Amino acid sequence: MTENVLHVAIIPDGNRRWARKNALKVWKGHEKGARKIRTLAHAAFEQGVTHLSIWGSSLDNLTKRPRAEREALIAVYMHAVEKLLTPAEHTTLRARIRFCGRWRTFFPPKLIRSIERLEEVTRVYTERTLTVFLVYNGDDEMLDAITRMVKEGANVTAASLKAHLWTHDLPPVDLMIRTGGEPHLSAGFMMWDMANAHLHFTRTLFPDFTPKDLAKALSAFRMRTRRLGA
């Protein structure tokens, strides 16, 4: 972990299973999960996290799921972004909010404008960063970076590859938390940035994941020794 920098990434699995468990439509799980992001962001920053990255949706989520669910996801994102745009929200959070992925390709113009506005109004906050990955796959990001490097004739180095990633301005991930009980990674999520990350898996479905659960994961991480090959 770089001194004074703590980057936590969350794969928030279990929204749909939570909805089914509670006899609700699947998008109710997404709504609950979106509200949880704001709660966890506040908690994470209070607990010393400087960079929080959360995977909101994969490329497959916006291309392969039923149309009704995709439309519901768009509505959930719109409501969440509009909520964060209110001064009471972003001035309390005091974090730069940025979005990573192919959301400009798949989202309607109104949502795109709202996201761009949110990125702009929170640019003044420099001490903490909340990155939301929407319509994002890590393998898609890596292929895009390599393709652009080939076109530019760039020398292939670790630094030049990082500079071409969509996450070029984020530090390496220190701790990755996956909820939902499935102990694996998906679609190469932040594959370059998670090369040396510690992993934390929990059976708790994301809508039930609380700031106390986050504190427990952070406490366990802080007790570990990071050798990095030494």
Protein backbone atom coordinates (compact mmCIF):
# COMPACT_ATOMS: atom_id res chain seq x y z
CA MET A 1 0.00 0.00 0.00
CA THR A 2 1.43 3.39 -0.99
CA GLU A 3 1.82 5.64 2.05
CA ASN A 4 -1.41 7.56 2.80
CA VAL A 5 -3.16 5.91 -0.14
CA LEU A 6 -5.67 3.10 0.31
CA HIS A 7 -7.52 1.85 -2.75
CA VAL A 8 -10.42 -0.52 -2.16
CA ALA A 9 -12.36 -2.09 -5.04
CA ILE A 10 -15.73 -3.79 -4.57
CA ILE A 11 -17.43 -6.33 -6.80
CA PRO A 12 -21.00 -5.97 -5.49
CA ASP A 13 -22.44 -9.37 -6.29
CA GLY A 14 -25.86 -10.57 -5.16
CA ASN A 15 -28.37 -7.83 -6.02
CA ARG A 16 -30.63 -10.11 -8.05
CA ARG A 17 -30.39 -12.97 -5.58
CA TRP A 18 -31.30 -10.57 -2.77
CA ALA A 19 -34.40 -9.48 -4.69
CA ARG A 20 -35.49 -13.07 -5.35
CA LYS A 21 -34.84 -13.99 -1.73
CA ASN A 22 -37.19 -11.19 -0.70
CA ALA A 23 -39.80 -12.03 -3.37
CA LEU A 24 -39.14 -8.82 -5.28
CA LYS A 25 -38.54 -7.94 -8.92
CA VAL A 26 -34.84 -8.20 -9.75
CA TRP A 27 -34.46 -4.46 -10.32
CA LYS A 28 -35.48 -3.85 -6.72
CA GLY A 29 -32.20 -5.51 -5.82
CA HIS A 30 -30.35 -3.09 -8.10
CA GLU A 31 -32.15 -0.16 -6.46
CA LYS A 32 -31.16 -1.38 -3.02
CA GLY A 33 -27.60 -1.93 -4.18
CA ALA A 34 -27.34 1.58 -5.65
CA ARG A 35 -28.42 3.10 -2.35
CA LYS A 36 -25.87 0.94 -0.58
CA ILE A 37 -23.06 2.44 -2.67
CA ARG A 38 -23.61 5.89 -1.17
CA THR A 39 -23.68 4.46 2.36
CA LEU A 40 -20.50 2.46 1.84
CA ALA A 41 -18.70 5.37 0.19
CA HIS A 42 -19.26 7.55 3.25
CA ALA A 43 -18.14 4.72 5.53
CA ALA A 44 -15.07 3.89 3.44
CA PHE A 45 -13.78 7.45 3.41
CA GLU A 46 -14.38 7.78 7.17
CA GLN A 47 -12.30 4.61 7.65
CA GLY A 48 -9.28 5.94 5.76
CA VAL A 49 -9.95 4.76 2.22
CA THR A 50 -8.74 7.33 -0.30
CA HIS A 51 -9.92 5.60 -3.47
CA LEU A 52 -13.08 3.50 -3.67
CA SER A 53 -13.88 1.68 -6.92
CA ILE A 54 -17.20 -0.10 -7.38
CA TRP A 55 -18.29 -2.21 -10.35
CA GLY A 56 -21.80 -1.08 -11.24
CA SER A 57 -22.37 -3.19 -14.36
CA SER A 58 -20.47 -5.27 -16.87
CA LEU A 59 -20.68 -5.03 -20.64
CA ASP A 60 -22.72 -8.24 -20.59
CA ASN A 61 -25.20 -6.73 -18.13
CA LEU A 62 -26.16 -4.13 -20.72
CA THR A 63 -26.14 -6.44 -23.74
CA LYS A 64 -27.30 -9.89 -22.63
CA ARG A 65 -29.87 -9.40 -19.89
CA PRO A 66 -33.61 -9.05 -20.63
CA ARG A 67 -34.68 -5.68 -22.01
CA ALA A 68 -36.89 -4.91 -19.01
CA GLU A 69 -33.96 -5.42 -16.64
CA ARG A 70 -31.63 -3.31 -18.78
CA GLU A 71 -34.16 -0.48 -18.81
CA ALA A 72 -34.57 -0.80 -15.06
CA LEU A 73 -30.80 -0.57 -14.63
CA ILE A 74 -30.74 2.66 -16.63
CA ALA A 75 -33.50 4.08 -14.40
CA VAL A 76 -31.56 3.06 -11.29
CA TYR A 77 -28.42 4.77 -12.57
CA MET A 78 -30.35 7.92 -13.45
CA HIS A 79 -31.86 8.19 -9.99
CA ALA A 80 -28.51 7.51 -8.29
CA VAL A 81 -26.67 10.11 -10.36
CA GLU A 82 -29.37 12.74 -9.83
CA LYS A 83 -29.22 12.07 -6.10
CA LEU A 84 -25.45 12.55 -6.04
CA LEU A 85 -25.81 15.77 -8.02
CA THR A 86 -27.68 17.41 -5.15
CA PRO A 87 -25.30 19.67 -3.20
CA ALA A 88 -26.30 18.03 0.08
CA GLU A 89 -24.92 14.74 -1.23
CA HIS A 90 -21.68 15.57 -2.99
CA THR A 91 -20.59 18.32 -0.59
CA THR A 92 -20.97 15.86 2.28
CA LEU A 93 -19.16 13.06 0.47
CA ARG A 94 -16.41 15.46 -0.67
CA ALA A 95 -14.99 13.03 -3.20
CA ARG A 96 -14.25 13.24 -6.87
CA ILE A 97 -16.77 10.99 -8.61
CA ARG A 98 -15.76 9.49 -11.92
CA PHE A 99 -17.21 6.83 -14.20
CA CYS A 100 -15.28 4.23 -16.13
CA GLY A 101 -16.50 2.03 -18.98
CA ARG A 102 -18.49 2.23 -22.20
CA TRP A 103 -21.46 4.04 -20.69
CA ARG A 104 -21.38 6.75 -23.35
CA THR A 105 -22.09 4.07 -25.98
CA PHE A 106 -25.04 2.44 -24.24
CA PHE A 107 -26.70 5.11 -22.09
CA PRO A 108 -29.37 7.60 -23.23
CA PRO A 109 -28.31 11.24 -23.76
CA LYS A 110 -30.00 12.52 -20.58
CA LEU A 111 -28.09 10.08 -18.38
CA ILE A 112 -24.83 10.79 -20.20
CA ARG A 113 -25.26 14.52 -19.57
CA SER A 114 -26.01 13.94 -15.89
CA ILE A 115 -22.93 11.74 -15.47
CA GLU A 116 -20.72 14.30 -17.20
CA ARG A 117 -22.13 17.04 -14.99
CA LEU A 118 -21.49 14.99 -11.85
CA GLU A 119 -17.90 14.36 -12.91
CA GLU A 120 -17.45 18.08 -13.52
CA VAL A 121 -18.96 19.40 -10.27
CA THR A 122 -16.97 16.94 -8.13
CA ARG A 123 -13.67 17.58 -9.86
CA VAL A 124 -12.84 20.13 -7.14
CA TYR A 125 -12.44 17.34 -4.58
CA THR A 126 -8.89 16.01 -4.71
CA GLU A 127 -8.33 14.01 -1.52
CA ARG A 128 -10.77 11.16 -2.18
CA THR A 129 -12.06 9.45 -5.32
CA LEU A 130 -15.13 7.32 -5.96
CA THR A 131 -14.97 5.49 -9.29
CA VAL A 132 -18.05 3.70 -10.58
CA PHE A 133 -17.52 1.18 -13.37
CA LEU A 134 -20.49 1.08 -15.74
CA VAL A 135 -20.71 -1.10 -18.86
CA TYR A 136 -17.19 -2.20 -18.00
CA ASN A 137 -15.18 -5.37 -18.55
CA GLY A 138 -11.51 -5.54 -17.63
CA ASP A 139 -10.59 -7.57 -20.69
CA ASP A 140 -12.33 -4.97 -22.87
CA GLU A 141 -10.29 -2.23 -21.18
CA MET A 142 -7.04 -4.14 -21.74
CA LEU A 143 -7.75 -4.86 -25.40
CA ASP A 144 -8.65 -1.21 -25.99
CA ALA A 145 -5.40 -0.06 -24.39
CA ILE A 146 -3.28 -2.46 -26.43
CA THR A 147 -5.08 -1.58 -29.66
CA ARG A 148 -4.42 2.12 -29.14
CA MET A 149 -0.78 1.45 -28.30
CA VAL A 150 -0.34 -0.48 -31.54
CA LYS A 151 -1.96 2.34 -33.56
CA GLU A 152 0.31 4.92 -31.90
CA GLY A 153 3.43 2.79 -32.22
CA ALA A 154 4.00 3.17 -28.49
CA ASN A 155 6.83 1.36 -26.75
CA VAL A 156 5.46 -1.43 -24.58
CA THR A 157 6.37 -0.81 -20.97
CA ALA A 158 4.45 -1.13 -17.72
CA ALA A 159 4.22 2.65 -17.54
CA SER A 160 2.98 3.09 -21.13
CA LEU A 161 0.37 0.35 -20.73
CA LYS A 162 -0.93 1.92 -17.53
CA ALA A 163 -1.11 5.29 -19.28
CA HIS A 164 -3.42 3.82 -21.93
CA LEU A 165 -5.80 2.14 -19.50
CA TRP A 166 -9.14 3.74 -18.66
CA THR A 167 -7.94 3.59 -15.05
CA HIS A 168 -4.72 5.47 -15.87
CA ASP A 169 -5.23 7.98 -13.04
CA LEU A 170 -6.00 5.42 -10.32
CA PRO A 171 -3.41 3.85 -8.00
CA PRO A 172 -3.06 0.06 -7.71
CA VAL A 173 -5.83 -1.69 -5.81
CA ASP A 174 -4.83 -2.64 -2.27
CA LEU A 175 -7.91 -4.63 -1.28
CA MET A 176 -10.65 -6.20 -3.42
CA ILE A 177 -13.91 -7.16 -1.73
CA ARG A 178 -16.43 -9.42 -3.46
CA THR A 179 -19.83 -9.96 -1.90
CA GLY A 180 -22.34 -12.68 -2.72
CA GLY A 181 -20.47 -15.84 -1.78
CA GLU A 182 -18.77 -16.64 -5.09
CA PRO A 183 -14.98 -16.54 -4.54
CA HIS A 184 -13.78 -15.63 -8.02
CA LEU A 185 -13.05 -12.66 -10.25
CA SER A 186 -15.13 -11.73 -13.30
CA ALA A 187 -14.35 -10.44 -16.79
CA GLY A 188 -10.85 -9.35 -15.77
CA PHE A 189 -12.15 -6.61 -13.46
CA MET A 190 -9.32 -4.05 -13.11
CA MET A 191 -6.89 -6.84 -14.02
CA TRP A 192 -3.79 -4.64 -14.24
CA ASP A 193 -4.54 -2.64 -11.12
CA MET A 194 -5.31 -5.73 -9.04
CA ALA A 195 -2.04 -7.54 -9.77
CA ASN A 196 -0.95 -7.36 -6.11
CA ALA A 197 -4.29 -6.78 -4.39
CA HIS A 198 -5.39 -8.69 -1.34
CA LEU A 199 -8.74 -10.44 -1.76
CA HIS A 200 -11.70 -10.62 0.61
CA PHE A 201 -14.73 -12.76 -0.15
CA THR A 202 -17.96 -12.74 1.85
CA ARG A 203 -21.21 -14.68 1.53
CA THR A 204 -23.19 -11.54 2.35
CA LEU A 205 -25.28 -10.34 -0.59
CA PHE A 206 -24.39 -6.79 -1.55
CA PRO A 207 -27.67 -5.13 -0.44
CA ASP A 208 -27.02 -6.59 3.04
CA PHE A 209 -23.33 -5.59 3.14
CA THR A 210 -22.96 -2.94 5.86
CA PRO A 211 -20.32 -0.43 6.96
CA LYS A 212 -19.54 -2.86 9.79
CA ASP A 213 -18.80 -5.57 7.21
CA LEU A 214 -16.55 -3.11 5.39
CA ALA A 215 -14.76 -2.23 8.63
CA LYS A 216 -14.19 -5.93 9.31
CA ALA A 217 -12.65 -6.44 5.87
CA LEU A 218 -10.41 -3.39 6.29
CA SER A 219 -9.33 -4.50 9.75
CA ALA A 220 -8.36 -7.94 8.46
CA PHE A 221 -6.44 -6.37 5.58
CA ARG A 222 -4.53 -4.01 7.86
CA MET A 223 -3.34 -6.95 9.93
CA ARG A 224 -1.72 -8.61 6.91
CA THR A 225 1.86 -8.21 5.77
CA ARG A 226 2.33 -7.31 2.12
CA ARG A 227 5.62 -8.83 0.98
CA LEU A 228 5.36 -8.07 -2.76
CA GLY A 229 7.85 -10.82 -3.58
CA ALA A 230 10.37 -9.87 -0.88
